[in-house]
Every structure is written in C-alpha cells, then in structure tokens.
N, C-alpha and C. Protein backbone atom coordinates (compact mmCIF):
# COMPACT_ATOMS: atom_id res chain seq x y z
N MET A 1 27.58 0.19 22.93
CA MET A 1 27.19 0.67 22.48
C MET A 1 26.73 1.60 22.96
N ASP A 2 26.85 3.52 22.45
CA ASP A 2 26.03 4.08 22.85
C ASP A 2 24.63 4.51 22.49
N ASN A 3 24.42 4.66 23.83
CA ASN A 3 22.40 4.70 23.54
C ASN A 3 22.23 5.88 24.57
N ASN A 4 23.13 6.66 23.19
CA ASN A 4 22.50 8.40 23.86
C ASN A 4 21.81 9.42 23.01
N PHE A 5 21.08 8.42 22.20
CA PHE A 5 20.36 9.15 20.91
C PHE A 5 18.96 9.06 21.32
N THR A 6 18.56 10.27 21.09
CA THR A 6 17.31 10.79 21.27
C THR A 6 16.73 10.16 20.12
N LYS A 7 15.48 10.00 20.64
CA LYS A 7 14.41 8.97 19.35
C LYS A 7 12.97 10.74 19.14
N GLN A 8 13.27 10.91 18.35
CA GLN A 8 12.19 11.73 17.88
C GLN A 8 11.03 11.17 16.78
N HIS A 9 9.89 11.50 17.42
CA HIS A 9 8.49 10.99 16.13
C HIS A 9 8.12 11.40 15.42
N TYR A 10 7.65 11.40 14.46
CA TYR A 10 6.68 12.00 13.52
C TYR A 10 5.31 10.91 13.31
N SER A 11 4.37 11.96 13.62
CA SER A 11 2.79 11.56 13.39
C SER A 11 2.52 12.32 12.08
N SER A 12 1.69 11.37 10.87
CA SER A 12 1.24 12.10 10.01
C SER A 12 -0.76 12.04 10.59
N GLY A 13 -1.01 11.69 11.70
CA GLY A 13 -2.17 11.54 12.28
C GLY A 13 -3.14 10.65 12.00
N ALA A 14 -2.86 9.55 10.87
CA ALA A 14 -3.39 8.36 10.69
C ALA A 14 -3.81 7.97 11.58
N GLU A 15 -5.33 6.80 11.71
CA GLU A 15 -5.59 6.58 12.71
C GLU A 15 -4.80 4.79 13.48
N TRP A 16 -4.27 4.93 12.07
CA TRP A 16 -3.28 3.46 12.21
C TRP A 16 -2.06 3.18 13.01
N GLU A 17 -1.86 4.63 12.60
CA GLU A 17 -0.68 4.73 13.95
C GLU A 17 -1.03 4.60 15.37
N GLU A 18 -2.06 5.14 15.67
CA GLU A 18 -2.40 5.03 16.93
C GLU A 18 -3.12 3.27 17.64
N ILE A 19 -3.70 3.15 16.56
CA ILE A 19 -3.97 1.50 16.26
C ILE A 19 -3.21 0.30 16.79
N ALA A 20 -2.19 0.87 15.80
CA ALA A 20 -1.02 -0.56 15.75
C ALA A 20 0.15 0.15 16.21
N GLY A 21 0.51 0.99 17.34
CA GLY A 21 1.05 1.61 18.00
C GLY A 21 2.42 1.83 17.30
N TYR A 22 2.69 2.67 16.34
CA TYR A 22 3.83 2.82 15.45
C TYR A 22 4.12 4.40 14.88
N SER A 23 5.58 5.05 14.63
CA SER A 23 5.11 6.73 14.26
C SER A 23 5.39 6.44 12.75
N ARG A 24 4.74 7.18 11.78
CA ARG A 24 5.06 7.75 10.62
C ARG A 24 6.36 7.83 10.15
N ALA A 25 7.57 8.44 11.12
CA ALA A 25 8.66 8.45 10.73
C ALA A 25 9.25 8.73 12.50
N ILE A 26 10.66 8.26 11.90
CA ILE A 26 11.35 8.08 13.57
C ILE A 26 12.61 9.01 13.30
N ARG A 27 13.18 9.50 13.57
CA ARG A 27 14.48 9.77 13.69
C ARG A 27 15.46 9.61 14.94
N VAL A 28 16.76 8.76 14.77
CA VAL A 28 17.52 8.66 15.89
C VAL A 28 18.83 9.28 15.15
N GLY A 29 19.54 10.33 15.80
CA GLY A 29 20.77 10.93 15.44
C GLY A 29 20.27 11.39 14.54
N ASN A 30 21.08 10.96 13.49
CA ASN A 30 21.36 11.36 11.61
C ASN A 30 20.63 10.54 10.41
N THR A 31 20.06 9.71 11.35
CA THR A 31 19.14 8.61 10.71
C THR A 31 17.30 8.24 10.55
N ILE A 32 17.15 8.61 9.49
CA ILE A 32 15.46 9.28 9.38
C ILE A 32 15.12 7.30 8.74
N GLU A 33 14.03 6.95 9.26
CA GLU A 33 13.06 5.56 9.18
C GLU A 33 11.77 6.06 9.08
N VAL A 34 11.06 6.32 7.40
CA VAL A 34 9.60 6.60 7.62
C VAL A 34 8.75 5.26 7.11
N ALA A 35 7.81 4.49 7.69
CA ALA A 35 7.33 3.39 7.56
C ALA A 35 6.62 3.39 6.69
N GLY A 36 6.28 2.28 6.59
CA GLY A 36 5.34 2.28 5.56
C GLY A 36 3.96 3.20 5.15
N THR A 37 4.19 3.65 3.90
CA THR A 37 3.25 4.87 3.61
C THR A 37 2.20 4.52 2.18
N THR A 38 0.99 4.87 2.39
CA THR A 38 0.18 4.52 1.52
C THR A 38 -0.64 6.11 1.35
N ALA A 39 -1.51 6.00 0.07
CA ALA A 39 -2.07 7.56 -0.20
C ALA A 39 -3.01 7.52 0.97
N MET A 40 -3.27 7.50 1.97
CA MET A 40 -4.36 7.92 2.40
C MET A 40 -3.88 9.01 3.72
N LYS A 41 -4.73 10.41 2.98
CA LYS A 41 -4.43 11.72 3.37
C LYS A 41 -6.13 11.81 4.34
N ASP A 42 -6.28 12.07 5.51
CA ASP A 42 -7.60 12.37 6.44
C ASP A 42 -8.68 11.97 6.08
N GLY A 43 -7.83 10.57 6.17
CA GLY A 43 -8.94 9.18 6.27
C GLY A 43 -9.52 8.75 4.92
N SER A 44 -9.30 9.96 3.73
CA SER A 44 -9.47 9.28 2.79
C SER A 44 -7.89 8.83 1.65
N LEU A 45 -8.70 7.32 0.38
CA LEU A 45 -7.55 7.19 -0.39
C LEU A 45 -7.51 7.96 -1.15
N ILE A 46 -6.18 8.80 -1.69
CA ILE A 46 -6.26 9.44 -2.75
C ILE A 46 -5.76 8.59 -3.97
N GLY A 47 -6.37 9.16 -5.19
CA GLY A 47 -6.09 8.75 -6.31
C GLY A 47 -6.87 6.89 -6.67
N SER A 48 -7.44 6.99 -6.00
CA SER A 48 -7.88 5.28 -6.46
C SER A 48 -8.22 4.55 -7.64
N ASN A 49 -7.44 3.77 -7.86
CA ASN A 49 -7.32 2.87 -9.22
C ASN A 49 -6.00 3.40 -9.81
N ASP A 50 -5.52 4.45 -9.29
CA ASP A 50 -3.97 5.00 -10.20
C ASP A 50 -3.05 5.28 -9.82
N ILE A 51 -2.39 3.69 -9.65
CA ILE A 51 -0.47 3.74 -8.97
C ILE A 51 0.33 5.34 -9.36
N TYR A 52 0.08 6.20 -10.37
CA TYR A 52 0.90 7.21 -10.25
C TYR A 52 0.67 8.31 -9.64
N ILE A 53 -0.60 8.46 -9.05
CA ILE A 53 -1.34 9.67 -8.15
C ILE A 53 -1.04 8.95 -6.86
N GLN A 54 -1.46 7.52 -6.66
CA GLN A 54 -1.08 7.41 -4.99
C GLN A 54 0.93 7.09 -4.66
N THR A 55 1.39 6.97 -6.02
CA THR A 55 2.54 6.70 -5.62
C THR A 55 2.83 8.64 -5.20
N LYS A 56 2.87 9.50 -6.01
CA LYS A 56 3.28 11.04 -5.92
C LYS A 56 2.50 11.34 -4.44
N THR A 57 1.52 11.24 -4.21
CA THR A 57 0.95 11.22 -3.29
C THR A 57 1.77 10.67 -1.47
N ILE A 58 2.14 9.86 -1.89
CA ILE A 58 2.53 8.71 -0.66
C ILE A 58 3.96 9.80 -0.88
N LEU A 59 4.70 10.19 -1.86
CA LEU A 59 6.32 10.56 -2.00
C LEU A 59 5.88 11.96 -1.29
N ASP A 60 4.94 12.74 -1.35
CA ASP A 60 4.66 13.73 -1.12
C ASP A 60 4.72 13.91 0.63
N ILE A 61 3.79 12.69 1.47
CA ILE A 61 3.62 12.37 2.70
C ILE A 61 4.98 11.99 3.38
N ILE A 62 5.76 11.23 2.72
CA ILE A 62 7.27 10.75 2.95
C ILE A 62 7.57 12.16 3.10
N LYS A 63 7.70 12.68 2.10
CA LYS A 63 8.48 14.10 2.24
C LYS A 63 8.26 15.30 3.65
N GLU A 64 7.17 15.14 3.30
CA GLU A 64 6.71 15.91 4.98
C GLU A 64 7.30 15.39 6.28
N ALA A 65 7.21 14.05 6.20
CA ALA A 65 7.51 13.64 7.63
C ALA A 65 8.96 13.54 7.74
N ILE A 66 9.49 13.58 6.41
CA ILE A 66 11.21 13.87 6.63
C ILE A 66 11.66 14.97 6.72
N GLU A 67 10.80 16.23 6.16
CA GLU A 67 11.24 17.21 6.57
C GLU A 67 10.55 17.48 8.38
N GLY A 68 9.27 16.74 8.46
CA GLY A 68 9.09 17.62 10.44
C GLY A 68 10.04 17.15 11.22
N LEU A 69 11.11 16.04 10.62
CA LEU A 69 12.15 15.43 11.59
C LEU A 69 13.34 15.87 11.67
N GLY A 70 13.49 17.58 10.47
CA GLY A 70 14.73 18.29 10.37
C GLY A 70 15.36 17.64 8.84
N GLY A 71 15.34 16.70 8.14
CA GLY A 71 15.90 16.30 7.02
C GLY A 71 15.04 17.14 5.83
N ASN A 72 15.30 16.84 4.31
CA ASN A 72 14.90 17.19 3.39
C ASN A 72 14.91 15.63 2.63
N ILE A 73 14.31 15.87 1.28
CA ILE A 73 14.35 14.94 -0.07
C ILE A 73 15.86 14.65 -0.32
N ASN A 74 16.14 15.60 -0.24
CA ASN A 74 17.52 15.24 -0.81
C ASN A 74 18.16 14.47 0.51
N ASP A 75 18.27 13.96 1.33
CA ASP A 75 18.84 12.76 2.05
C ASP A 75 18.01 11.48 1.92
N VAL A 76 17.44 11.62 1.34
CA VAL A 76 16.81 9.84 1.12
C VAL A 76 17.97 9.26 0.58
N ILE A 77 18.32 8.45 1.24
CA ILE A 77 19.46 6.87 0.65
C ILE A 77 18.43 5.52 0.18
N ARG A 78 17.59 5.52 0.76
CA ARG A 78 16.71 4.09 -0.06
C ARG A 78 15.28 4.24 0.61
N THR A 79 14.68 3.96 -0.84
CA THR A 79 13.61 3.46 -0.51
C THR A 79 12.77 2.00 -1.37
N ARG A 80 11.62 1.93 -0.71
CA ARG A 80 11.11 -0.10 -0.51
C ARG A 80 10.00 0.02 -1.15
N MET A 81 9.62 0.03 -2.36
CA MET A 81 8.37 -0.29 -2.66
C MET A 81 7.48 -1.47 -3.21
N PHE A 82 6.14 -1.22 -2.59
CA PHE A 82 5.51 -2.62 -2.27
C PHE A 82 4.18 -2.25 -3.24
N VAL A 83 4.17 -3.02 -4.41
CA VAL A 83 3.21 -2.92 -5.40
C VAL A 83 2.20 -4.21 -5.87
N THR A 84 1.15 -4.10 -6.03
CA THR A 84 -0.63 -5.07 -5.84
C THR A 84 -0.20 -5.76 -7.17
N ASP A 85 0.34 -4.56 -8.11
CA ASP A 85 0.71 -5.43 -9.79
C ASP A 85 2.02 -4.87 -10.33
N ILE A 86 2.80 -5.93 -10.17
CA ILE A 86 3.96 -5.05 -11.11
C ILE A 86 4.19 -4.52 -12.09
N SER A 87 2.70 -4.96 -13.09
CA SER A 87 2.93 -4.35 -14.17
C SER A 87 2.64 -3.15 -14.64
N GLN A 88 2.44 -2.82 -13.81
CA GLN A 88 2.09 -1.16 -13.56
C GLN A 88 3.41 -0.22 -13.30
N TRP A 89 4.56 -0.88 -12.96
CA TRP A 89 5.91 -0.57 -12.34
C TRP A 89 6.24 0.35 -13.02
N GLU A 90 5.97 0.76 -14.67
CA GLU A 90 6.27 1.92 -15.35
C GLU A 90 5.61 3.45 -14.64
N SER A 91 4.70 3.40 -14.64
CA SER A 91 4.08 4.89 -13.62
C SER A 91 4.51 5.04 -12.54
N VAL A 92 4.43 3.43 -11.30
CA VAL A 92 5.54 3.84 -10.38
C VAL A 92 6.67 4.97 -10.60
N ALA A 93 7.95 3.87 -11.33
CA ALA A 93 8.94 4.40 -11.87
C ALA A 93 8.99 5.61 -12.37
N LYS A 94 7.99 6.35 -13.47
CA LYS A 94 7.83 7.77 -13.39
C LYS A 94 8.16 8.42 -12.25
N ALA A 95 6.67 8.05 -11.68
CA ALA A 95 6.25 8.86 -10.42
C ALA A 95 7.34 9.28 -9.37
N HIS A 96 8.63 7.86 -8.74
CA HIS A 96 9.56 7.71 -8.13
C HIS A 96 10.76 8.79 -8.98
N GLY A 97 10.89 8.57 -10.34
CA GLY A 97 12.20 9.44 -10.78
C GLY A 97 11.77 10.75 -10.46
N GLU A 98 10.64 11.26 -10.80
CA GLU A 98 9.82 12.73 -10.61
C GLU A 98 11.21 13.29 -9.59
N VAL A 99 10.77 12.72 -8.45
CA VAL A 99 11.10 13.16 -7.25
C VAL A 99 12.57 12.62 -6.78
N PHE A 100 13.05 11.85 -7.55
CA PHE A 100 14.38 10.94 -7.26
C PHE A 100 15.41 11.33 -8.19
N GLY A 101 15.04 11.20 -9.14
CA GLY A 101 15.52 11.10 -10.60
C GLY A 101 17.48 11.71 -10.64
N LYS A 102 17.53 13.12 -10.00
CA LYS A 102 18.60 13.50 -9.30
C LYS A 102 19.55 12.93 -7.97
N ILE A 103 18.59 12.50 -7.14
CA ILE A 103 19.15 12.16 -5.87
C ILE A 103 19.52 10.68 -6.13
N LYS A 104 18.98 10.05 -6.76
CA LYS A 104 18.90 8.21 -7.19
C LYS A 104 19.61 7.31 -5.64
N PRO A 105 18.50 7.17 -4.64
CA PRO A 105 18.72 6.48 -3.75
C PRO A 105 18.60 5.51 -4.35
N ALA A 106 19.15 4.21 -3.21
CA ALA A 106 19.21 2.33 -3.82
C ALA A 106 17.69 2.56 -3.46
N SER A 107 17.05 1.47 -4.53
CA SER A 107 15.26 1.53 -4.39
C SER A 107 15.31 0.07 -4.47
N THR A 108 14.20 -0.48 -4.25
CA THR A 108 13.66 -1.98 -4.27
C THR A 108 12.33 -1.89 -4.50
N MET A 109 11.22 -2.55 -5.89
CA MET A 109 10.01 -2.37 -5.97
C MET A 109 9.80 -4.11 -6.11
N VAL A 110 8.85 -4.47 -5.69
CA VAL A 110 8.49 -6.09 -5.65
C VAL A 110 6.67 -5.73 -5.26
N GLU A 111 6.24 -7.36 -5.86
CA GLU A 111 5.22 -7.46 -5.61
C GLU A 111 4.49 -7.71 -4.56
N VAL A 112 3.43 -7.85 -4.01
CA VAL A 112 2.85 -8.05 -2.89
C VAL A 112 1.31 -8.30 -3.11
N SER A 113 1.20 -9.57 -2.54
CA SER A 113 -0.47 -10.18 -2.54
C SER A 113 -1.77 -9.27 -2.76
N GLY A 114 -1.18 -8.10 -1.63
CA GLY A 114 -2.54 -7.28 -1.42
C GLY A 114 -1.82 -6.03 -0.12
N LEU A 115 -2.33 -5.15 -0.15
CA LEU A 115 -2.20 -4.19 1.03
C LEU A 115 -3.39 -4.03 1.83
N ILE A 116 -3.40 -3.12 3.44
CA ILE A 116 -4.35 -3.45 4.32
C ILE A 116 -5.92 -2.55 3.42
N HIS A 117 -6.12 -2.08 2.51
CA HIS A 117 -7.09 -1.69 2.00
C HIS A 117 -7.30 -2.26 0.67
N PRO A 118 -8.24 -2.76 0.03
CA PRO A 118 -8.46 -3.78 -1.51
C PRO A 118 -7.91 -2.21 -2.48
N GLU A 119 -8.48 -1.18 -2.09
CA GLU A 119 -7.82 -0.17 -3.69
C GLU A 119 -6.68 0.52 -3.24
N MET A 120 -5.69 0.18 -2.06
CA MET A 120 -3.75 0.34 -2.59
C MET A 120 -3.52 -0.31 -3.02
N LEU A 121 -2.86 -0.10 -3.83
CA LEU A 121 -2.35 -0.21 -4.96
C LEU A 121 -0.57 -0.56 -4.96
N ILE A 122 -0.15 0.95 -4.19
CA ILE A 122 1.44 1.10 -3.18
C ILE A 122 1.67 1.24 -1.78
N GLU A 123 2.75 0.35 -1.57
CA GLU A 123 3.06 1.12 -0.33
C GLU A 123 4.77 1.15 -0.06
N ILE A 124 5.23 2.91 0.37
CA ILE A 124 6.56 3.02 0.24
C ILE A 124 7.00 2.88 1.50
N GLU A 125 8.37 2.83 1.65
CA GLU A 125 9.25 2.66 3.14
C GLU A 125 10.40 3.67 2.62
N ALA A 126 10.87 4.55 3.48
CA ALA A 126 11.78 5.26 2.78
C ALA A 126 13.41 5.58 4.14
N SER A 127 14.27 5.66 3.29
CA SER A 127 15.54 5.82 4.45
C SER A 127 16.13 6.97 4.39
N ALA A 128 16.81 8.21 5.31
CA ALA A 128 16.91 8.88 5.32
C ALA A 128 18.61 9.18 6.09
N LEU A 129 19.58 9.89 5.66
CA LEU A 129 20.82 10.26 6.48
C LEU A 129 20.96 11.66 6.03
N ILE A 130 20.89 12.35 7.57
CA ILE A 130 21.23 13.60 7.42
C ILE A 130 22.58 13.76 7.79
N SER A 131 23.00 14.42 7.00
CA SER A 131 24.32 15.15 7.13
C SER A 131 24.75 16.37 8.15
N GLU A 132 25.51 15.76 9.63
CA GLU A 132 25.47 16.65 9.94
C GLU A 132 27.26 17.75 10.34
C-alpha cells in the first residue's frame, strides 16, 4: 500500500469542526471527500423551514470546499443526502438538479429521524475525483 499521499484539509470555520475534530473536506491524491454539510453559515442556519434553500446553500458550501482543495463541482462523482422529511424530495431534487443536472453523479437520498439542530432539514456529503 502506498502511503505517500499527502492529506490536505479544508475548514469552513464551523465551530463543530473543532468540537468534533473533523475537516469540512479532505483531499488525498486526486480524491476529495466532503463531510456531512448543513446550511449553517457564520453560525446561523440559512433557510429555516425551507429545504430547497437549505439544499442550495449546502451545495454552495460543498462547491467552496471542493474548490478550496483544487477541484471543481464537475469533479463530483457521488452525493449522499439525508433528509428529515422524504415527502419533500422534489424540492431537494430540484436544487440538486440545478447544480448537477449535466454532471449526474451517483446519488442517494434517505430519510433520517433528525439532524443535530431541529430546524435542519437536510445534510449532504459529496465525493469528488479530480482528473490529473
């Protein structure tokens, strides 16, 4: 196994990163993994009670993280979406499609019983593979 890969970490500055000891995203070689991301920006939840706005905000945060590690949104090969109410899937799908309609990454959406904050409606993870 080749252990010569350098890890690059990306932080969004969210307080949870320090509390829980994780990075918003990490790049190893040409792979970027973006941690579960919610619509929290500068300590405030964006789009309270609006899953579409939360989804768009999250995808912007994910895009920033990937770009911060030398990739771009076109490099995304997988998304995982965790929603608190699956009946709102169409709003999530609309926002996801606006960003990934031509990219078409493999994607999963599952309903969960709750997220860390009661007004969070969705959390998204992403994986990207950068062509080198």
